[in-house]
N, C-alpha and C. Protein backbone atom coordinates (compact mmCIF):
# COMPACT_ATOMS: atom_id res chain seq x y z
N UNK A 1 -33.57 6.60 0.06
CA UNK A 1 -32.50 7.33 0.71
C UNK A 1 -31.73 6.03 -0.52
N UNK A 2 -30.21 6.99 -1.30
CA UNK A 2 -29.38 7.30 -1.72
C UNK A 2 -28.82 6.00 -1.20
N UNK A 3 -27.99 5.03 -1.42
CA UNK A 3 -26.95 4.29 -0.78
C UNK A 3 -25.48 5.09 -1.39
N UNK A 4 -24.55 5.62 -0.38
CA UNK A 4 -23.39 6.13 -1.18
C UNK A 4 -22.36 5.18 -0.77
N UNK A 5 -22.80 4.24 0.12
CA UNK A 5 -21.52 3.10 0.55
C UNK A 5 -21.07 2.84 -0.45
N UNK A 6 -19.09 2.50 -0.84
CA UNK A 6 -18.41 2.21 -1.76
C UNK A 6 -18.35 0.67 -0.89
N UNK A 7 -18.39 0.49 -0.19
CA UNK A 7 -17.67 -0.57 0.36
C UNK A 7 -18.61 -1.74 1.82
N UNK A 8 -18.45 -2.51 1.79
CA UNK A 8 -19.37 -3.36 2.13
C UNK A 8 -19.42 -3.14 3.87
N UNK A 9 -20.03 -3.07 4.58
CA UNK A 9 -19.94 -2.73 5.68
C UNK A 9 -20.59 -4.38 6.94
N UNK A 10 -20.20 -4.43 7.86
CA UNK A 10 -20.36 -5.36 8.77
C UNK A 10 -20.81 -5.01 9.99
N UNK A 11 -21.61 -5.75 10.49
CA UNK A 11 -22.23 -5.30 11.71
C UNK A 11 -21.36 -5.77 12.73
N UNK A 12 -21.40 -5.07 14.16
CA UNK A 12 -19.96 -5.19 14.61
C UNK A 12 -19.89 -4.70 16.39
N UNK A 13 -19.14 -4.42 17.27
CA UNK A 13 -19.65 -3.98 18.47
C UNK A 13 -18.52 -3.97 19.00
N UNK A 14 -17.75 -2.91 19.04
CA UNK A 14 -16.39 -2.79 19.79
C UNK A 14 -16.72 -1.23 20.46
N UNK A 15 -15.30 -1.49 20.83
CA UNK A 15 -15.26 0.13 21.96
C UNK A 15 -14.27 0.91 21.00
N UNK A 16 -14.68 1.98 21.71
CA UNK A 16 -13.93 3.54 20.82
C UNK A 16 -14.07 4.29 21.82
N UNK A 17 -13.16 5.53 21.51
CA UNK A 17 -12.96 6.29 22.40
C UNK A 17 -12.18 7.57 21.63
N UNK A 18 -12.19 8.49 22.22
CA UNK A 18 -11.59 9.53 21.92
C UNK A 18 -11.53 11.11 22.88
N UNK A 19 -9.31 11.48 22.28
CA UNK A 19 -9.47 12.49 22.96
C UNK A 19 -10.90 13.43 23.33
N UNK A 20 -11.05 14.32 24.32
CA UNK A 20 -11.83 15.51 24.27
C UNK A 20 -13.25 15.09 23.80
N UNK A 21 -13.80 13.80 23.79
CA UNK A 21 -14.94 13.06 24.18
C UNK A 21 -15.93 13.65 25.48
N UNK A 22 -16.64 14.58 24.88
CA UNK A 22 -17.57 15.40 25.81
C UNK A 22 -18.23 14.16 26.60
N UNK A 23 -18.75 13.13 26.32
CA UNK A 23 -18.69 12.11 27.00
C UNK A 23 -18.76 11.95 28.16
N UNK A 24 -16.68 11.39 28.21
CA UNK A 24 -15.94 11.21 28.99
C UNK A 24 -15.45 9.96 29.32
N UNK A 25 -16.23 9.07 28.39
CA UNK A 25 -16.20 7.58 28.54
C UNK A 25 -16.25 6.75 27.12
N UNK A 26 -15.95 5.68 27.47
CA UNK A 26 -15.90 4.79 25.86
C UNK A 26 -17.78 4.69 25.56
N UNK A 27 -17.37 4.39 23.75
CA UNK A 27 -18.41 4.54 22.92
C UNK A 27 -18.19 3.05 22.01
N UNK A 28 -19.57 2.74 21.51
CA UNK A 28 -19.76 1.59 21.03
C UNK A 28 -20.38 1.90 20.20
N UNK A 29 -18.75 1.33 18.62
CA UNK A 29 -19.09 1.24 17.29
C UNK A 29 -19.90 0.42 16.53
N UNK A 30 -21.40 0.45 15.94
CA UNK A 30 -22.38 -0.40 15.61
C UNK A 30 -21.67 -1.15 13.79
N UNK A 31 -21.04 -1.06 13.23
CA UNK A 31 -20.53 -1.22 11.92
C UNK A 31 -19.02 -0.62 11.88
N UNK A 32 -18.96 -1.29 10.46
CA UNK A 32 -17.18 -0.85 9.94
C UNK A 32 -17.22 -1.29 8.28
N UNK A 33 -16.85 0.02 7.97
CA UNK A 33 -16.39 -0.78 7.20
C UNK A 33 -14.62 0.07 6.35
N UNK A 34 -14.11 -0.56 5.43
CA UNK A 34 -12.90 -0.23 5.05
C UNK A 34 -12.49 1.48 5.17
N UNK A 35 -13.65 1.76 4.81
CA UNK A 35 -14.01 3.58 4.81
C UNK A 35 -14.43 4.51 6.03
N UNK A 36 -15.07 3.55 7.03
CA UNK A 36 -14.97 4.14 8.18
C UNK A 36 -15.85 3.24 9.01
N UNK A 37 -16.62 4.31 10.17
CA UNK A 37 -17.59 3.29 11.08
C UNK A 37 -18.68 4.24 11.37
N UNK A 38 -19.51 3.70 12.21
CA UNK A 38 -20.44 4.32 12.70
C UNK A 38 -20.43 3.90 14.90
N UNK A 39 -21.04 5.02 15.26
CA UNK A 39 -20.83 4.87 16.69
C UNK A 39 -21.71 5.63 17.63
N UNK A 40 -22.27 5.01 18.12
CA UNK A 40 -23.69 4.92 18.29
C UNK A 40 -23.20 5.45 20.06
N UNK A 41 -23.34 7.08 19.99
CA UNK A 41 -23.28 8.16 21.57
C UNK A 41 -24.54 9.19 20.69
N UNK A 42 -24.72 9.48 22.51
CA UNK A 42 -24.87 11.35 22.13
C UNK A 42 -24.04 12.19 22.09
N UNK A 43 -23.28 12.11 21.98
CA UNK A 43 -22.07 12.77 22.04
C UNK A 43 -22.17 13.85 20.82
N UNK A 44 -21.84 15.37 20.85
CA UNK A 44 -21.90 16.36 20.54
C UNK A 44 -21.17 16.59 19.30
N UNK A 45 -20.89 15.88 18.15
CA UNK A 45 -19.68 16.69 17.33
C UNK A 45 -20.43 16.94 15.68
N UNK A 46 -19.09 17.91 15.27
CA UNK A 46 -19.89 18.61 14.29
C UNK A 46 -19.41 17.82 12.43
N UNK A 47 -20.21 18.48 11.33
CA UNK A 47 -19.78 17.32 10.67
C UNK A 47 -18.60 17.99 10.01
N UNK A 48 -17.74 17.27 9.33
CA UNK A 48 -15.92 17.64 8.96
C UNK A 48 -15.12 17.79 10.27
N UNK A 49 -15.58 18.05 10.82
CA UNK A 49 -14.46 17.81 12.80
C UNK A 49 -13.49 16.53 12.29
N UNK A 50 -12.35 16.35 12.34
CA UNK A 50 -11.32 15.70 12.74
C UNK A 50 -11.41 14.99 13.66
N UNK A 51 -11.62 13.72 14.12
CA UNK A 51 -11.62 13.51 15.02
C UNK A 51 -10.04 11.97 15.37
N UNK A 52 -9.37 11.75 16.60
CA UNK A 52 -7.93 11.09 16.47
C UNK A 52 -9.52 9.69 17.02
N UNK A 53 -9.44 9.15 16.77
CA UNK A 53 -10.03 7.50 17.58
C UNK A 53 -9.36 7.05 17.28
N UNK A 54 -9.88 6.02 18.89
CA UNK A 54 -9.10 5.24 18.81
C UNK A 54 -10.18 3.60 19.08
N UNK A 55 -9.84 2.53 18.77
CA UNK A 55 -10.70 1.68 18.82
C UNK A 55 -10.43 0.14 18.70
N UNK A 56 -10.79 0.27 19.45
CA UNK A 56 -10.46 -1.45 20.74
C UNK A 56 -10.37 -2.43 19.95
N UNK A 57 -9.31 -3.61 19.83
CA UNK A 57 -10.03 -4.28 18.38
C UNK A 57 -9.51 -5.90 19.30
N UNK A 58 -10.97 -6.61 19.26
CA UNK A 58 -10.65 -7.49 19.53
C UNK A 58 -9.71 -8.65 20.31
N UNK A 59 -7.84 -8.66 19.96
CA UNK A 59 -7.71 -8.43 20.56
C UNK A 59 -6.77 -7.85 21.36
N UNK A 60 -7.05 -7.29 21.82
CA UNK A 60 -7.09 -6.31 23.09
C UNK A 60 -5.93 -5.15 22.46
N UNK A 61 -5.54 -5.38 21.61
CA UNK A 61 -5.09 -3.58 21.04
C UNK A 61 -6.02 -2.64 20.70
N UNK A 62 -4.86 -1.58 20.45
CA UNK A 62 -5.71 -0.10 19.94
C UNK A 62 -5.49 0.33 18.58
N UNK A 63 -6.62 0.40 17.74
CA UNK A 63 -6.53 1.25 16.00
C UNK A 63 -6.74 2.55 16.33
N UNK A 64 -5.80 2.89 15.71
CA UNK A 64 -6.05 4.36 16.55
C UNK A 64 -5.70 5.71 14.30
N UNK A 65 -6.83 5.49 13.66
CA UNK A 65 -6.42 5.90 12.08
C UNK A 65 -7.57 7.33 12.31
N UNK A 66 -7.10 8.10 11.36
CA UNK A 66 -7.51 9.79 11.96
C UNK A 66 -8.90 9.53 11.42
N UNK A 67 -9.79 10.58 11.45
CA UNK A 67 -11.30 10.15 10.57
C UNK A 67 -11.79 11.72 10.83
N UNK A 68 -12.49 11.22 10.23
CA UNK A 68 -13.50 12.65 10.20
C UNK A 68 -15.18 12.25 9.84
N UNK A 69 -15.34 13.07 10.75
CA UNK A 69 -17.33 13.11 11.14
C UNK A 69 -17.60 13.46 9.20
N UNK A 70 -18.22 12.70 9.12
CA UNK A 70 -19.97 12.75 8.24
C UNK A 70 -21.08 13.21 7.76
N UNK A 71 -21.61 12.36 8.97
CA UNK A 71 -23.20 12.48 9.39
C UNK A 71 -23.13 12.34 10.58
N UNK A 72 -23.93 12.86 11.50
CA UNK A 72 -24.40 12.99 12.72
C UNK A 72 -25.99 12.67 12.84
N UNK A 73 -26.48 12.19 13.80
CA UNK A 73 -27.62 12.01 13.83
C UNK A 73 -28.15 11.73 15.52
N UNK A 74 -29.52 11.99 15.66
CA UNK A 74 -29.92 12.10 16.84
C UNK A 74 -28.96 11.39 18.22
N UNK A 75 -28.46 9.75 16.76
CA UNK A 75 -28.29 8.75 18.24
C UNK A 75 -26.86 7.93 18.11
N UNK A 76 -26.63 9.20 16.96
CA UNK A 76 -24.69 8.78 16.93
C UNK A 76 -24.30 9.27 15.64
N UNK A 77 -23.04 9.03 14.82
CA UNK A 77 -22.45 9.74 13.77
C UNK A 77 -21.69 8.29 13.07
N UNK A 78 -21.22 9.08 11.79
CA UNK A 78 -20.34 8.38 10.97
C UNK A 78 -18.98 9.06 10.64
N UNK A 79 -18.51 8.26 10.68
CA UNK A 79 -16.68 8.70 10.52
C UNK A 79 -16.60 8.28 8.94
N UNK A 80 -15.59 8.84 8.74
CA UNK A 80 -14.80 8.02 7.48
C UNK A 80 -13.89 7.94 7.13
N UNK A 81 -12.51 7.18 7.81
CA UNK A 81 -11.47 7.04 7.74
C UNK A 81 -10.28 8.05 6.76
N UNK A 82 -9.37 8.30 7.19
CA UNK A 82 -8.78 9.44 6.48
C UNK A 82 -7.09 9.06 6.72
N UNK A 83 -6.16 9.15 5.65
CA UNK A 83 -4.85 8.34 5.27
C UNK A 83 -4.83 7.82 6.07
N UNK A 84 -5.45 6.08 5.80
CA UNK A 84 -4.86 5.10 6.15
C UNK A 84 -3.24 4.68 5.07
N UNK A 85 -2.29 4.12 6.50
CA UNK A 85 -1.22 3.60 5.85
C UNK A 85 -2.06 1.98 5.51
N UNK A 86 -0.90 0.59 5.12
CA UNK A 86 -1.40 -0.12 4.43
C UNK A 86 -1.45 -1.08 5.48
N UNK A 87 -0.55 -0.85 6.51
CA UNK A 87 -1.01 -1.48 8.04
C UNK A 87 -2.08 -1.48 8.31
N UNK A 88 -2.77 -0.22 8.88
CA UNK A 88 -3.74 0.44 9.50
C UNK A 88 -5.38 -0.66 8.30
N UNK A 89 -4.82 -0.62 7.21
CA UNK A 89 -5.89 -0.95 5.63
C UNK A 89 -6.02 -2.15 6.21
N UNK A 90 -5.07 -3.67 6.70
CA UNK A 90 -4.77 -4.68 6.67
C UNK A 90 -5.94 -5.21 7.92
N UNK A 91 -5.43 -4.51 9.06
CA UNK A 91 -6.03 -4.12 10.21
C UNK A 91 -7.87 -4.53 9.92
N UNK A 92 -7.86 -3.40 9.07
CA UNK A 92 -9.72 -3.42 9.16
C UNK A 92 -10.14 -4.95 8.45
N UNK A 93 -9.25 -4.13 6.99
CA UNK A 93 -9.72 -5.81 6.64
C UNK A 93 -9.87 -7.25 6.79
N UNK A 94 -8.27 -7.77 7.77
CA UNK A 94 -9.05 -9.04 8.68
C UNK A 94 -9.61 -8.70 9.73
N UNK A 95 -9.99 -7.72 10.21
CA UNK A 95 -11.28 -7.80 11.00
C UNK A 95 -12.59 -7.94 10.83
N UNK A 96 -13.01 -7.45 9.38
CA UNK A 96 -13.96 -7.48 7.99
C UNK A 96 -14.00 -8.96 8.13
N UNK A 97 -12.68 -9.35 7.34
CA UNK A 97 -12.91 -11.20 6.89
C UNK A 97 -13.62 -11.66 8.06
N UNK A 98 -12.91 -11.48 9.72
CA UNK A 98 -13.19 -12.37 10.96
C UNK A 98 -14.58 -12.13 11.68
N UNK A 99 -15.09 -11.06 11.54
CA UNK A 99 -16.64 -10.80 11.30
C UNK A 99 -17.61 -11.23 10.56
N UNK A 100 -17.13 -11.50 8.83
CA UNK A 100 -18.11 -11.84 8.28
C UNK A 100 -18.14 -13.45 8.17
N UNK A 101 -16.87 -14.20 8.98
CA UNK A 101 -16.85 -15.56 8.51
C UNK A 101 -17.37 -16.15 10.33
N UNK A 102 -17.54 -15.10 11.51
CA UNK A 102 -18.50 -15.39 12.25
C UNK A 102 -20.18 -15.20 11.56
N UNK A 103 -20.46 -14.20 11.37
CA UNK A 103 -22.21 -13.80 10.53
C UNK A 103 -22.20 -15.28 9.64
N UNK A 104 -20.91 -15.74 8.88
CA UNK A 104 -21.81 -17.01 7.65
C UNK A 104 -20.17 -17.58 8.14
N UNK A 105 -20.86 -18.52 9.04
CA UNK A 105 -19.34 -19.93 9.41
C UNK A 105 -20.61 -20.68 7.85
N UNK A 106 -18.90 -21.71 7.37
CA UNK A 106 -19.01 -22.51 6.97
C UNK A 106 -19.41 -23.91 7.71
N UNK A 107 -20.42 -24.52 6.34
CA UNK A 107 -20.88 -25.64 7.06
C UNK A 107 -20.28 -26.49 7.00
N UNK A 108 -20.25 -27.36 8.30
CA UNK A 108 -19.76 -28.69 8.51
C UNK A 108 -20.39 -29.44 7.55
N UNK A 109 -19.79 -31.26 6.83
CA UNK A 109 -20.01 -31.51 6.04
C UNK A 109 -20.15 -32.95 6.76
């Protein structure tokens, strides 16, 4: 399988939801990059569908990027973020830094 991802991804566990979700409950994000996320859910979405996703950040704030479904599997789907502003991009980068620091802590001397 060809690797199409341009940005590094971080394994993560965040809560997400979107209006009109057939599941009518929160779903789990299992990885994140500057370009998008993968959502673990059995919900039925269509490739190309635009979603107004809401992602609960660790500090309790909601991050609300516009996103488009880019692939769908039996167990979830991938979203590509669209039209991110600088503040949203900064929020994603900060979350990626925090996640990477937790995965690769600096050794103590």
